Each structure stands twice: as structure tokens, then as C-alpha cells.
Amino acid sequence: MAALPLKMRHMKKNHNIYIASDHRGFKLKQHLIKGMQWHSNIIDLGPKNHDPADYPDYAHKLCKK
């Protein structure tokens, strides 16, 4: 596992981590999720694939959390 930033090393596992992107960031988002597997509460708000998607839709979902 790669070294975690200091703030993340002390993060409790009972906190939710929400993540979202648009279709262009889908691959990077998947990579980030894989890198955070140590945290059990990762909530992916989308998109779920490479199909075209507008980032404001997912940014709005993320901000509401």
C-alpha cells in the first residue's frame, strides 16, 4: 500500500468517503477507490461507466452529501 497522507492515516473507518467524477474522470476515480480499499465506507456516487456524463450532475450529488 502506498503511503497515506497524514490526515488519512488517522481517519476512523466509520466515516463515509464520497467520491464522484464525470465520464472523463471515471478511470482515475476507479484507481482512487482501489487505493482506498483499506477504508470500508467508500461511497461511489457515479458515474458507473465511461458513458458520457455531465460533471455538474455528479458534483451536485457530491455537494449534497
C-alpha atoms as a PDB file:
ATOM      1  CA  MET A   1       0.000   0.000   0.000  1.00  0.00           C
ATOM      2  CA  ALA A   2       1.245   3.465  -0.863  1.00  0.00           C
ATOM      3  CA  ALA A   3       1.991   5.907   1.927  1.00  0.00           C
ATOM      4  CA  LEU A   4      -1.138   7.706   3.039  1.00  0.00           C
ATOM      5  CA  PRO A   5      -1.277  11.434   3.728  1.00  0.00           C
ATOM      6  CA  LEU A   6      -1.038  12.173   7.452  1.00  0.00           C
ATOM      7  CA  LYS A   7      -4.705  13.184   7.727  1.00  0.00           C
ATOM      8  CA  MET A   8      -5.828   9.908   6.153  1.00  0.00           C
ATOM      9  CA  ARG A   9      -3.655   7.748   8.395  1.00  0.00           C
ATOM     10  CA  HIS A  10      -5.638   8.885  11.394  1.00  0.00           C
ATOM     11  CA  MET A  11      -9.069   8.759   9.767  1.00  0.00           C
ATOM     12  CA  LYS A  12     -11.510   6.496  11.518  1.00  0.00           C
ATOM     13  CA  LYS A  13     -13.120   3.797   9.407  1.00  0.00           C
ATOM     14  CA  ASN A  14     -16.626   4.743  10.485  1.00  0.00           C
ATOM     15  CA  HIS A  15     -16.591   7.943   8.389  1.00  0.00           C
ATOM     16  CA  ASN A  16     -18.054   7.885   4.895  1.00  0.00           C
ATOM     17  CA  ILE A  17     -15.900   8.915   1.957  1.00  0.00           C
ATOM     18  CA  TYR A  18     -17.968  10.069  -1.014  1.00  0.00           C
ATOM     19  CA  ILE A  19     -16.424  10.148  -4.480  1.00  0.00           C
ATOM     20  CA  ALA A  20     -17.749  11.173  -7.895  1.00  0.00           C
ATOM     21  CA  SER A  21     -16.481  12.208 -11.317  1.00  0.00           C
ATOM     22  CA  ASP A  22     -17.661  12.730 -14.844  1.00  0.00           C
ATOM     23  CA  HIS A  23     -17.109  10.198 -17.640  1.00  0.00           C
ATOM     24  CA  ARG A  24     -13.605  11.535 -18.343  1.00  0.00           C
ATOM     25  CA  GLY A  25     -12.539  11.005 -14.730  1.00  0.00           C
ATOM     26  CA  PHE A  26     -14.072   7.545 -14.392  1.00  0.00           C
ATOM     27  CA  LYS A  27     -10.780   5.676 -14.780  1.00  0.00           C
ATOM     28  CA  LEU A  28      -8.990   7.896 -12.227  1.00  0.00           C
ATOM     29  CA  LYS A  29     -11.907   7.571  -9.818  1.00  0.00           C
ATOM     30  CA  GLN A  30     -11.702   3.766 -10.030  1.00  0.00           C
ATOM     31  CA  HIS A  31      -7.958   3.975  -9.349  1.00  0.00           C
ATOM     32  CA  LEU A  32      -8.553   6.161  -6.280  1.00  0.00           C
ATOM     33  CA  ILE A  33     -11.229   3.822  -4.960  1.00  0.00           C
ATOM     34  CA  LYS A  34      -8.866   0.873  -5.356  1.00  0.00           C
ATOM     35  CA  GLY A  35      -6.172   2.794  -3.467  1.00  0.00           C
ATOM     36  CA  MET A  36      -8.565   3.446  -0.595  1.00  0.00           C
ATOM     37  CA  GLN A  37      -9.693  -0.165  -0.140  1.00  0.00           C
ATOM     38  CA  TRP A  38      -8.466  -0.020   3.457  1.00  0.00           C
ATOM     39  CA  HIS A  39     -11.450   2.232   4.196  1.00  0.00           C
ATOM     40  CA  SER A  40     -14.702   0.319   4.347  1.00  0.00           C
ATOM     41  CA  ASN A  41     -17.114   3.214   3.763  1.00  0.00           C
ATOM     42  CA  ILE A  42     -16.305   4.469   0.265  1.00  0.00           C
ATOM     43  CA  ILE A  43     -19.496   5.563  -1.484  1.00  0.00           C
ATOM     44  CA  ASP A  44     -19.253   5.955  -5.255  1.00  0.00           C
ATOM     45  CA  LEU A  45     -21.858   8.463  -6.448  1.00  0.00           C
ATOM     46  CA  GLY A  46     -21.154   7.820 -10.118  1.00  0.00           C
ATOM     47  CA  PRO A  47     -20.887   7.575 -12.926  1.00  0.00           C
ATOM     48  CA  LYS A  48     -20.752   3.786 -13.057  1.00  0.00           C
ATOM     49  CA  ASN A  49     -19.163   3.582 -16.530  1.00  0.00           C
ATOM     50  CA  HIS A  50     -17.461   5.546 -19.350  1.00  0.00           C
ATOM     51  CA  ASP A  51     -20.744   6.681 -20.945  1.00  0.00           C
ATOM     52  CA  PRO A  52     -20.897  10.468 -21.434  1.00  0.00           C
ATOM     53  CA  ALA A  53     -21.969  12.273 -18.269  1.00  0.00           C
ATOM     54  CA  ASP A  54     -22.030  15.900 -17.224  1.00  0.00           C
ATOM     55  CA  TYR A  55     -19.873  16.683 -14.215  1.00  0.00           C
ATOM     56  CA  PRO A  56     -22.348  19.213 -12.709  1.00  0.00           C
ATOM     57  CA  ASP A  57     -24.849  16.391 -12.150  1.00  0.00           C
ATOM     58  CA  TYR A  58     -22.341  14.398 -10.104  1.00  0.00           C
ATOM     59  CA  ALA A  59     -20.849  17.466  -8.417  1.00  0.00           C
ATOM     60  CA  HIS A  60     -24.336  18.367  -7.215  1.00  0.00           C
ATOM     61  CA  LYS A  61     -24.851  14.852  -5.813  1.00  0.00           C
ATOM     62  CA  LEU A  62     -21.490  15.050  -4.056  1.00  0.00           C
ATOM     63  CA  CYS A  63     -22.125  18.506  -2.582  1.00  0.00           C
ATOM     64  CA  LYS A  64     -25.447  17.383  -1.162  1.00  0.00           C
ATOM     65  CA  LYS A  65     -23.614  14.820   0.970  1.00  0.00           C
END
